């Protein structure tokens, strides 16, 4: 009987630990998603108000590893070298600053 009680207690403790791990993981995923939302919101704010501070752009664009694909539009100015396969590809901070200036 004591052995069964110990087994039940062990299973209950393991179950509680598994539930705690799941809650921590869900909370972690929610925090990551909230951070991503904030970065996108900041990106759109910088883009819409012509932010020309390279340091701010570098903070949210991970340095030079960022690229953005947009359609080619006749009413915005852009460099011809940005066109690839019928789309505009903006690479890096300088391209984003130029693009926000053409808004």
PDB file of N, CA and C in Angstrom:
ATOM      1  N   UNK A   1       0.832  -1.195   0.000  1.00  0.00           N
ATOM      2  CA  UNK A   1       0.000   0.000   0.000  1.00  0.00           C
ATOM      3  C   UNK A   1       0.878   1.260   0.000  1.00  0.00           C
ATOM      4  N   UNK A   2       1.930   1.245   0.833  1.00  0.00           N
ATOM      5  CA  UNK A   2       2.832   2.399   0.879  1.00  0.00           C
ATOM      6  C   UNK A   2       3.538   2.608  -0.467  1.00  0.00           C
ATOM      7  N   UNK A   3       3.865   1.494  -1.107  1.00  0.00           N
ATOM      8  CA  UNK A   3       4.535   1.586  -2.396  1.00  0.00           C
ATOM      9  C   UNK A   3       3.609   2.232  -3.431  1.00  0.00           C
ATOM     10  N   UNK A   4       2.319   1.884  -3.400  1.00  0.00           N
ATOM     11  CA  UNK A   4       1.358   2.485  -4.315  1.00  0.00           C
ATOM     12  C   UNK A   4       1.199   3.982  -4.044  1.00  0.00           C
ATOM     13  N   UNK A   5       1.189   4.337  -2.759  1.00  0.00           N
ATOM     14  CA  UNK A   5       1.094   5.764  -2.403  1.00  0.00           C
ATOM     15  C   UNK A   5       2.303   6.532  -2.929  1.00  0.00           C
ATOM     16  N   UNK A   6       3.471   5.952  -2.792  1.00  0.00           N
ATOM     17  CA  UNK A   6       4.689   6.598  -3.295  1.00  0.00           C
ATOM     18  C   UNK A   6       4.639   6.733  -4.811  1.00  0.00           C
ATOM     19  N   UNK A   7       4.151   5.694  -5.478  1.00  0.00           N
ATOM     20  CA  UNK A   7       4.030   5.727  -6.933  1.00  0.00           C
ATOM     21  C   UNK A   7       3.048   6.809  -7.377  1.00  0.00           C
ATOM     22  N   UNK A   8       1.908   6.906  -6.701  1.00  0.00           N
ATOM     23  CA  UNK A   8       0.912   7.936  -7.023  1.00  0.00           C
ATOM     24  C   UNK A   8       1.489   9.320  -6.771  1.00  0.00           C
ATOM     25  N   UNK A   9       2.188   9.495  -5.653  1.00  0.00           N
ATOM     26  CA  UNK A   9       2.800  10.798  -5.346  1.00  0.00           C
ATOM     27  C   UNK A   9       3.840  11.171  -6.407  1.00  0.00           C
ATOM     28  N   UNK A  10       4.627  10.180  -6.823  1.00  0.00           N
ATOM     29  CA  UNK A  10       5.628  10.433  -7.860  1.00  0.00           C
ATOM     30  C   UNK A  10       4.992  10.826  -9.185  1.00  0.00           C
ATOM     31  N   UNK A  11       3.930  10.117  -9.572  1.00  0.00           N
ATOM     32  CA  UNK A  11       3.222  10.443 -10.813  1.00  0.00           C
ATOM     33  C   UNK A  11       2.565  11.825 -10.728  1.00  0.00           C
ATOM     34  N   UNK A  12       2.022  12.146  -9.568  1.00  0.00           N
ATOM     35  CA  UNK A  12       1.401  13.463  -9.377  1.00  0.00           C
ATOM     36  C   UNK A  12       2.452  14.576  -9.475  1.00  0.00           C
ATOM     37  N   UNK A  13       3.603  14.351  -8.891  1.00  0.00           N
ATOM     38  CA  UNK A  13       4.679  15.358  -8.951  1.00  0.00           C
ATOM     39  C   UNK A  13       5.159  15.528 -10.396  1.00  0.00           C
ATOM     40  N   UNK A  14       5.300  14.423 -11.108  1.00  0.00           N
ATOM     41  CA  UNK A  14       5.733  14.496 -12.504  1.00  0.00           C
ATOM     42  C   UNK A  14       4.696  15.222 -13.354  1.00  0.00           C
ATOM     43  N   UNK A  15       3.435  14.935 -13.119  1.00  0.00           N
ATOM     44  CA  UNK A  15       2.353  15.601 -13.849  1.00  0.00           C
ATOM     45  C   UNK A  15       2.349  17.099 -13.574  1.00  0.00           C
ATOM     46  N   UNK A  16       2.536  17.459 -12.321  1.00  0.00           N
ATOM     47  CA  UNK A  16       2.578  18.878 -11.962  1.00  0.00           C
ATOM     48  C   UNK A  16       3.770  19.577 -12.623  1.00  0.00           C
ATOM     49  N   UNK A  17       4.897  18.917 -12.657  1.00  0.00           N
ATOM     50  CA  UNK A  17       6.094  19.488 -13.282  1.00  0.00           C
ATOM     51  C   UNK A  17       5.893  19.650 -14.788  1.00  0.00           C
ATOM     52  N   UNK A  18       5.272  18.667 -15.426  1.00  0.00           N
ATOM     53  CA  UNK A  18       4.997  18.772 -16.865  1.00  0.00           C
ATOM     54  C   UNK A  18       4.049  19.931 -17.161  1.00  0.00           C
ATOM     55  N   UNK A  19       3.037  20.093 -16.328  1.00  0.00           N
ATOM     56  CA  UNK A  19       2.090  21.199 -16.516  1.00  0.00           C
ATOM     57  C   UNK A  19       2.798  22.539 -16.323  1.00  0.00           C
ATOM     58  N   UNK A  20       3.689  22.626 -15.355  1.00  0.00           N
ATOM     59  CA  UNK A  20       4.433  23.860 -15.125  1.00  0.00           C
ATOM     60  C   UNK A  20       5.327  24.182 -16.317  1.00  0.00           C
ATOM     61  N   UNK A  21       5.992  23.166 -16.876  1.00  0.00           N
ATOM     62  CA  UNK A  21       6.848  23.372 -18.040  1.00  0.00           C
ATOM     63  C   UNK A  21       6.032  23.867 -19.233  1.00  0.00           C
ATOM     64  N   UNK A  22       4.844  23.305 -19.424  1.00  0.00           N
ATOM     65  CA  UNK A  22       3.991  23.754 -20.526  1.00  0.00           C
ATOM     66  C   UNK A  22       3.571  25.216 -20.335  1.00  0.00           C
ATOM     67  N   UNK A  23       3.219  25.595 -19.120  1.00  0.00           N
ATOM     68  CA  UNK A  23       2.837  26.988 -18.845  1.00  0.00           C
ATOM     69  C   UNK A  23       3.991  27.938 -19.113  1.00  0.00           C
ATOM     70  N   UNK A  24       5.200  27.547 -18.710  1.00  0.00           N
ATOM     71  CA  UNK A  24       6.387  28.382 -18.935  1.00  0.00           C
ATOM     72  C   UNK A  24       6.651  28.522 -20.431  1.00  0.00           C
ATOM     73  N   UNK A  25       6.523  27.443 -21.179  1.00  0.00           N
ATOM     74  CA  UNK A  25       6.747  27.482 -22.627  1.00  0.00           C
ATOM     75  C   UNK A  25       5.713  28.358 -23.323  1.00  0.00           C
ATOM     76  N   UNK A  26       4.447  28.241 -22.930  1.00  0.00           N
ATOM     77  CA  UNK A  26       3.401  29.075 -23.521  1.00  0.00           C
ATOM     78  C   UNK A  26       3.656  30.546 -23.208  1.00  0.00           C
ATOM     79  N   UNK A  27       4.059  30.837 -21.993  1.00  0.00           N
ATOM     80  CA  UNK A  27       4.367  32.220 -21.615  1.00  0.00           C
ATOM     81  C   UNK A  27       5.553  32.744 -22.427  1.00  0.00           C
ATOM     82  N   UNK A  28       6.560  31.913 -22.627  1.00  0.00           N
ATOM     83  CA  UNK A  28       7.733  32.310 -23.411  1.00  0.00           C
ATOM     84  C   UNK A  28       7.338  32.612 -24.859  1.00  0.00           C
ATOM     85  N   UNK A  29       6.518  31.772 -25.448  1.00  0.00           N
ATOM     86  CA  UNK A  29       6.056  32.003 -26.818  1.00  0.00           C
ATOM     87  C   UNK A  29       5.230  33.286 -26.921  1.00  0.00           C
ATOM     88  N   UNK A  30       4.404  33.561 -25.907  1.00  0.00           N
ATOM     89  CA  UNK A  30       3.611  34.789 -25.900  1.00  0.00           C
ATOM     90  C   UNK A  30       4.512  36.019 -25.810  1.00  0.00           C
ATOM     91  N   UNK A  31       5.576  35.930 -25.023  1.00  0.00           N
ATOM     92  CA  UNK A  31       6.518  37.047 -24.920  1.00  0.00           C
ATOM     93  C   UNK A  31       7.245  37.289 -26.237  1.00  0.00           C
ATOM     94  N   UNK A  32       7.637  36.224 -26.916  1.00  0.00           N
ATOM     95  CA  UNK A  32       8.301  36.355 -28.221  1.00  0.00           C
ATOM     96  C   UNK A  32       7.350  37.003 -29.223  1.00  0.00           C
ATOM     97  N   UNK A  33       6.093  36.563 -29.235  1.00  0.00           N
ATOM     98  CA  UNK A  33       5.118  37.118 -30.169  1.00  0.00           C
ATOM     99  C   UNK A  33       4.882  38.605 -29.880  1.00  0.00           C
ATOM    100  N   UNK A  34       4.807  38.978 -28.630  1.00  0.00           N
ATOM    101  CA  UNK A  34       4.619  40.389 -28.275  1.00  0.00           C
ATOM    102  C   UNK A  34       5.816  41.229 -28.705  1.00  0.00           C
ATOM    103  N   UNK A  35       7.010  40.704 -28.535  1.00  0.00           N
ATOM    104  CA  UNK A  35       8.210  41.412 -28.974  1.00  0.00           C
ATOM    105  C   UNK A  35       8.204  41.600 -30.486  1.00  0.00           C
ATOM    106  N   UNK A  36       7.817  40.578 -31.215  1.00  0.00           N
ATOM    107  CA  UNK A  36       7.739  40.685 -32.678  1.00  0.00           C
ATOM    108  C   UNK A  36       6.726  41.744 -33.092  1.00  0.00           C
ATOM    109  N   UNK A  37       5.591  41.788 -32.415  1.00  0.00           N
ATOM    110  CA  UNK A  37       4.590  42.818 -32.715  1.00  0.00           C
ATOM    111  C   UNK A  37       5.156  44.216 -32.489  1.00  0.00           C
ATOM    112  N   UNK A  38       5.875  44.386 -31.408  1.00  0.00           N
ATOM    113  CA  UNK A  38       6.466  45.697 -31.121  1.00  0.00           C
ATOM    114  C   UNK A  38       7.483  46.093 -32.186  1.00  0.00           C
ATOM    115  N   UNK A  39       8.287  45.135 -32.642  1.00  0.00           N
ATOM    116  CA  UNK A  39       9.285  45.421 -33.672  1.00  0.00           C
ATOM    117  C   UNK A  39       8.597  45.818 -34.976  1.00  0.00           C
ATOM    118  N   UNK A  40       7.557  45.094 -35.364  1.00  0.00           N
ATOM    119  CA  UNK A  40       6.827  45.428 -36.594  1.00  0.00           C
ATOM    120  C   UNK A  40       6.174  46.801 -36.460  1.00  0.00           C
ATOM    121  N   UNK A  41       5.599  47.086 -35.317  1.00  0.00           N
ATOM    122  CA  UNK A  41       4.976  48.397 -35.084  1.00  0.00           C
ATOM    123  C   UNK A  41       6.022  49.503 -35.183  1.00  0.00           C
ATOM    124  N   UNK A  42       7.171  49.299 -34.589  1.00  0.00           N
ATOM    125  CA  UNK A  42       8.256  50.277 -34.660  1.00  0.00           C
ATOM    126  C   UNK A  42       8.732  50.437 -36.095  1.00  0.00           C
ATOM    127  N   UNK A  43       8.896  49.327 -36.810  1.00  0.00           N
ATOM    128  CA  UNK A  43       9.309  49.364 -38.213  1.00  0.00           C
ATOM    129  C   UNK A  43       8.344  50.216 -39.036  1.00  0.00           C
ATOM    130  N   UNK A  44       7.054  49.953 -38.899  1.00  0.00           N
ATOM    131  CA  UNK A  44       6.061  50.699 -39.672  1.00  0.00           C
ATOM    132  C   UNK A  44       6.047  52.178 -39.284  1.00  0.00           C
ATOM    133  N   UNK A  45       6.270  52.470 -38.009  1.00  0.00           N
ATOM    134  CA  UNK A  45       6.354  53.862 -37.578  1.00  0.00           C
ATOM    135  C   UNK A  45       7.550  54.571 -38.182  1.00  0.00           C
ATOM    136  N   UNK A  46       8.701  53.934 -38.148  1.00  0.00           N
ATOM    137  CA  UNK A  46       9.905  54.525 -38.754  1.00  0.00           C
ATOM    138  C   UNK A  46       9.696  54.747 -40.253  1.00  0.00           C
ATOM    139  N   UNK A  47       9.115  53.768 -40.902  1.00  0.00           N
ATOM    140  CA  UNK A  47       8.927  53.836 -42.353  1.00  0.00           C
ATOM    141  C   UNK A  47       7.951  54.948 -42.728  1.00  0.00           C
ATOM    142  N   UNK A  48       6.901  55.121 -41.955  1.00  0.00           N
ATOM    143  CA  UNK A  48       5.880  56.106 -42.310  1.00  0.00           C
ATOM    144  C   UNK A  48       6.287  57.542 -42.000  1.00  0.00           C
ATOM    145  N   UNK A  49       7.189  57.742 -41.052  1.00  0.00           N
ATOM    146  CA  UNK A  49       7.556  59.120 -40.703  1.00  0.00           C
ATOM    147  C   UNK A  49       8.975  59.495 -41.134  1.00  0.00           C
ATOM    148  N   UNK A  50       9.534  58.742 -42.084  1.00  0.00           N
ATOM    149  CA  UNK A  50      10.860  58.998 -42.632  1.00  0.00           C
ATOM    150  C   UNK A  50      11.911  59.140 -41.537  1.00  0.00           C
ATOM    151  N   UNK A  51      12.121  58.086 -40.823  1.00  0.00           N
ATOM    152  CA  UNK A  51      13.182  58.044 -39.812  1.00  0.00           C
ATOM    153  C   UNK A  51      14.511  57.883 -40.540  1.00  0.00           C
ATOM    154  N   UNK A  52      15.419  58.843 -40.346  1.00  0.00           N
ATOM    155  CA  UNK A  52      16.700  58.765 -41.058  1.00  0.00           C
ATOM    156  C   UNK A  52      17.877  58.459 -40.132  1.00  0.00           C
ATOM    157  N   UNK A  53      17.588  58.073 -38.901  1.00  0.00           N
ATOM    158  CA  UNK A  53      18.637  57.713 -37.946  1.00  0.00           C
ATOM    159  C   UNK A  53      19.042  56.249 -38.178  1.00  0.00           C
ATOM    160  N   UNK A  54      20.252  56.048 -38.688  1.00  0.00           N
ATOM    161  CA  UNK A  54      20.735  54.698 -38.996  1.00  0.00           C
ATOM    162  C   UNK A  54      20.781  53.802 -37.748  1.00  0.00           C
ATOM    163  N   UNK A  55      21.124  54.376 -36.610  1.00  0.00           N
ATOM    164  CA  UNK A  55      21.221  53.573 -35.384  1.00  0.00           C
ATOM    165  C   UNK A  55      19.870  52.984 -34.996  1.00  0.00           C
ATOM    166  N   UNK A  56      18.816  53.773 -35.130  1.00  0.00           N
ATOM    167  CA  UNK A  56      17.480  53.258 -34.810  1.00  0.00           C
ATOM    168  C   UNK A  56      17.087  52.133 -35.762  1.00  0.00           C
ATOM    169  N   UNK A  57      17.338  52.336 -37.051  1.00  0.00           N
ATOM    170  CA  UNK A  57      17.027  51.290 -38.024  1.00  0.00           C
ATOM    171  C   UNK A  57      17.858  50.040 -37.746  1.00  0.00           C
ATOM    172  N   UNK A  58      19.139  50.211 -37.445  1.00  0.00           N
ATOM    173  CA  UNK A  58      19.993  49.054 -37.146  1.00  0.00           C
ATOM    174  C   UNK A  58      19.473  48.257 -35.962  1.00  0.00           C
ATOM    175  N   UNK A  59      18.902  48.949 -34.983  1.00  0.00           N
ATOM    176  CA  UNK A  59      18.398  48.279 -33.793  1.00  0.00           C
ATOM    177  C   UNK A  59      17.297  47.287 -34.130  1.00  0.00           C
ATOM    178  N   UNK A  60      16.387  47.675 -35.035  1.00  0.00           N
ATOM    179  CA  UNK A  60      15.272  46.774 -35.319  1.00  0.00           C
ATOM    180  C   UNK A  60      15.492  45.890 -36.542  1.00  0.00           C
ATOM    181  N   UNK A  61      16.485  46.195 -37.377  1.00  0.00           N
ATOM    182  CA  UNK A  61      16.685  45.420 -38.603  1.00  0.00           C
ATOM    183  C   UNK A  61      17.855  44.452 -38.542  1.00  0.00           C
ATOM    184  N   UNK A  62      18.402  44.219 -37.386  1.00  0.00           N
ATOM    185  CA  UNK A  62      19.501  43.260 -37.217  1.00  0.00           C
ATOM    186  C   UNK A  62      20.670  43.576 -38.137  1.00  0.00           C
ATOM    187  N   UNK A  63      21.046  44.819 -38.189  1.00  0.00           N
ATOM    188  CA  UNK A  63      22.197  45.217 -38.995  1.00  0.00           C
ATOM    189  C   UNK A  63      21.901  45.139 -40.478  1.00  0.00           C
ATOM    190  N   UNK A  64      22.736  44.469 -41.239  1.00  0.00           N
ATOM    191  CA  UNK A  64      22.594  44.434 -42.685  1.00  0.00           C
ATOM    192  C   UNK A  64      21.948  43.179 -43.233  1.00  0.00           C
ATOM    193  N   UNK A  65      21.392  42.327 -42.408  1.00  0.00           N
ATOM    194  CA  UNK A  65      20.844  41.063 -42.882  1.00  0.00           C
ATOM    195  C   UNK A  65      19.362  41.145 -43.223  1.00  0.00           C
ATOM    196  N   UNK A  66      18.810  42.325 -43.233  1.00  0.00           N
ATOM    197  CA  UNK A  66      17.388  42.517 -43.484  1.00  0.00           C
ATOM    198  C   UNK A  66      17.118  42.735 -44.965  1.00  0.00           C
ATOM    199  N   UNK A  67      16.004  42.201 -45.473  1.00  0.00           N
ATOM    200  CA  UNK A  67      15.554  42.518 -46.821  1.00  0.00           C
ATOM    201  C   UNK A  67      14.038  42.549 -46.820  1.00  0.00           C
ATOM    202  N   UNK A  68      13.485  43.367 -47.725  1.00  0.00           N
ATOM    203  CA  UNK A  68      12.046  43.549 -47.836  1.00  0.00           C
ATOM    204  C   UNK A  68      11.655  43.470 -49.306  1.00  0.00           C
ATOM    205  N   UNK A  69      10.645  42.672 -49.591  1.00  0.00           N
ATOM    206  CA  UNK A  69      10.162  42.516 -50.964  1.00  0.00           C
ATOM    207  C   UNK A  69       8.878  43.327 -51.115  1.00  0.00           C
ATOM    208  N   UNK A  70       8.856  44.193 -52.152  1.00  0.00           N
ATOM    209  CA  UNK A  70       7.695  45.032 -52.426  1.00  0.00           C
ATOM    210  C   UNK A  70       7.364  44.976 -53.908  1.00  0.00           C
ATOM    211  N   UNK A  71       6.130  45.303 -54.261  1.00  0.00           N
ATOM    212  CA  UNK A  71       5.808  45.384 -55.691  1.00  0.00           C
ATOM    213  C   UNK A  71       6.425  46.639 -56.309  1.00  0.00           C
ATOM    214  N   UNK A  72       6.673  46.595 -57.593  1.00  0.00           N
ATOM    215  CA  UNK A  72       7.159  47.769 -58.320  1.00  0.00           C
ATOM    216  C   UNK A  72       5.968  48.700 -58.519  1.00  0.00           C
ATOM    217  N   UNK A  73       6.116  49.949 -58.104  1.00  0.00           N
ATOM    218  CA  UNK A  73       5.032  50.918 -58.243  1.00  0.00           C
ATOM    219  C   UNK A  73       5.522  52.120 -59.043  1.00  0.00           C
ATOM    220  N   UNK A  74       4.685  52.651 -59.938  1.00  0.00           N
ATOM    221  CA  UNK A  74       5.114  53.762 -60.783  1.00  0.00           C
ATOM    222  C   UNK A  74       5.150  55.109 -60.055  1.00  0.00           C
ATOM    223  N   UNK A  75       4.517  55.227 -58.920  1.00  0.00           N
ATOM    224  CA  UNK A  75       4.406  56.510 -58.229  1.00  0.00           C
ATOM    225  C   UNK A  75       5.442  56.710 -57.120  1.00  0.00           C
ATOM    226  N   UNK A  76       6.397  55.805 -56.999  1.00  0.00           N
ATOM    227  CA  UNK A  76       7.445  55.960 -55.994  1.00  0.00           C
ATOM    228  C   UNK A  76       8.798  55.894 -56.674  1.00  0.00           C
ATOM    229  N   UNK A  77       9.725  56.684 -56.160  1.00  0.00           N
ATOM    230  CA  UNK A  77      11.072  56.652 -56.737  1.00  0.00           C
ATOM    231  C   UNK A  77      11.891  55.552 -56.067  1.00  0.00           C
ATOM    232  N   UNK A  78      12.723  54.893 -56.871  1.00  0.00           N
ATOM    233  CA  UNK A  78      13.584  53.841 -56.349  1.00  0.00           C
ATOM    234  C   UNK A  78      14.693  53.579 -57.353  1.00  0.00           C
ATOM    235  N   UNK A  79      15.704  52.898 -56.901  1.00  0.00           N
ATOM    236  CA  UNK A  79      16.836  52.560 -57.764  1.00  0.00           C
ATOM    237  C   UNK A  79      16.472  51.394 -58.671  1.00  0.00           C
ATOM    238  N   UNK A  80      16.954  51.455 -59.881  1.00  0.00           N
ATOM    239  CA  UNK A  80      16.681  50.385 -60.843  1.00  0.00           C
ATOM    240  C   UNK A  80      17.301  49.065 -60.386  1.00  0.00           C
ATOM    241  N   UNK A  81      18.418  49.128 -59.684  1.00  0.00           N
ATOM    242  CA  UNK A  81      19.085  47.896 -59.238  1.00  0.00           C
ATOM    243  C   UNK A  81      18.281  47.148 -58.167  1.00  0.00           C
ATOM    244  N   UNK A  82      17.250  47.775 -57.603  1.00  0.00           N
ATOM    245  CA  UNK A  82      16.416  47.113 -56.598  1.00  0.00           C
ATOM    246  C   UNK A  82      15.408  46.150 -57.220  1.00  0.00           C
ATOM    247  N   UNK A  83      15.220  46.211 -58.524  1.00  0.00           N
ATOM    248  CA  UNK A  83      14.234  45.356 -59.185  1.00  0.00           C
ATOM    249  C   UNK A  83      14.856  43.997 -59.482  1.00  0.00           C
ATOM    250  N   UNK A  84      14.194  42.957 -58.997  1.00  0.00           N
ATOM    251  CA  UNK A  84      14.613  41.579 -59.238  1.00  0.00           C
ATOM    252  C   UNK A  84      13.366  40.732 -59.474  1.00  0.00           C
ATOM    253  N   UNK A  85      13.295  40.118 -60.627  1.00  0.00           N
ATOM    254  CA  UNK A  85      12.174  39.242 -60.978  1.00  0.00           C
ATOM    255  C   UNK A  85      10.824  39.936 -60.805  1.00  0.00           C
ATOM    256  N   UNK A  86      10.730  41.176 -61.229  1.00  0.00           N
ATOM    257  CA  UNK A  86       9.464  41.898 -61.205  1.00  0.00           C
ATOM    258  C   UNK A  86       9.060  42.472 -59.860  1.00  0.00           C
ATOM    259  N   UNK A  87       9.907  42.388 -58.857  1.00  0.00           N
ATOM    260  CA  UNK A  87       9.626  42.941 -57.534  1.00  0.00           C
ATOM    261  C   UNK A  87      10.782  43.823 -57.097  1.00  0.00           C
ATOM    262  N   UNK A  88      10.504  44.682 -56.156  1.00  0.00           N
ATOM    263  CA  UNK A  88      11.569  45.480 -55.553  1.00  0.00           C
ATOM    264  C   UNK A  88      12.090  44.746 -54.329  1.00  0.00           C
ATOM    265  N   UNK A  89      13.385  44.597 -54.254  1.00  0.00           N
ATOM    266  CA  UNK A  89      14.015  43.964 -53.105  1.00  0.00           C
ATOM    267  C   UNK A  89      14.887  45.016 -52.434  1.00  0.00           C
ATOM    268  N   UNK A  90      14.518  45.385 -51.212  1.00  0.00           N
ATOM    269  CA  UNK A  90      15.292  46.351 -50.433  1.00  0.00           C
ATOM    270  C   UNK A  90      16.166  45.579 -49.463  1.00  0.00           C
ATOM    271  N   UNK A  91      17.460  45.856 -49.492  1.00  0.00           N
ATOM    272  CA  UNK A  91      18.398  45.144 -48.627  1.00  0.00           C
ATOM    273  C   UNK A  91      19.135  46.136 -47.743  1.00  0.00           C
ATOM    274  N   UNK A  92      18.994  45.954 -46.447  1.00  0.00           N
ATOM    275  CA  UNK A  92      19.755  46.735 -45.493  1.00  0.00           C
ATOM    276  C   UNK A  92      19.110  48.055 -45.080  1.00  0.00           C
ATOM    277  N   UNK A  93      19.792  48.707 -44.174  1.00  0.00           N
ATOM    278  CA  UNK A  93      19.301  49.934 -43.548  1.00  0.00           C
ATOM    279  C   UNK A  93      19.225  51.083 -44.545  1.00  0.00           C
ATOM    280  N   UNK A  94      20.260  51.261 -45.345  1.00  0.00           N
ATOM    281  CA  UNK A  94      20.267  52.392 -46.280  1.00  0.00           C
ATOM    282  C   UNK A  94      19.106  52.308 -47.264  1.00  0.00           C
ATOM    283  N   UNK A  95      18.802  51.130 -47.739  1.00  0.00           N
ATOM    284  CA  UNK A  95      17.676  50.960 -48.663  1.00  0.00           C
ATOM    285  C   UNK A  95      16.355  51.303 -47.987  1.00  0.00           C
ATOM    286  N   UNK A  96      16.216  50.945 -46.714  1.00  0.00           N
ATOM    287  CA  UNK A  96      14.982  51.263 -45.996  1.00  0.00           C
ATOM    288  C   UNK A  96      14.863  52.775 -45.781  1.00  0.00           C
ATOM    289  N   UNK A  97      15.946  53.435 -45.487  1.00  0.00           N
ATOM    290  CA  UNK A  97      15.917  54.891 -45.302  1.00  0.00           C
ATOM    291  C   UNK A  97      15.537  55.555 -46.619  1.00  0.00           C
ATOM    292  N   UNK A  98      16.116  55.114 -47.721  1.00  0.00           N
ATOM    293  CA  UNK A  98      15.755  55.669 -49.034  1.00  0.00           C
ATOM    294  C   UNK A  98      14.293  55.421 -49.353  1.00  0.00           C
ATOM    295  N   UNK A  99      13.815  54.230 -49.047  1.00  0.00           N
ATOM    296  CA  UNK A  99      12.428  53.882 -49.341  1.00  0.00           C
ATOM    297  C   UNK A  99      11.467  54.732 -48.513  1.00  0.00           C
ATOM    298  N   UNK A 100      11.765  54.918 -47.251  1.00  0.00           N
ATOM    299  CA  UNK A 100      10.873  55.729 -46.418  1.00  0.00           C
ATOM    300  C   UNK A 100      10.879  57.187 -46.867  1.00  0.00           C
ATOM    301  N   UNK A 101      11.978  57.648 -47.467  1.00  0.00           N
ATOM    302  CA  UNK A 101      12.053  59.023 -47.977  1.00  0.00           C
ATOM    303  C   UNK A 101      11.144  59.197 -49.193  1.00  0.00           C
ATOM    304  N   UNK A 102      10.872  58.110 -49.918  1.00  0.00           N
ATOM    305  CA  UNK A 102      10.053  58.223 -51.123  1.00  0.00           C
ATOM    306  C   UNK A 102       8.568  58.103 -50.834  1.00  0.00           C
ATOM    307  N   UNK A 103       8.191  57.973 -49.588  1.00  0.00           N
ATOM    308  CA  UNK A 103       6.770  57.854 -49.233  1.00  0.00           C
ATOM    309  C   UNK A 103       6.030  59.146 -49.461  1.00  0.00           C
TER     310      UNK A 103
END
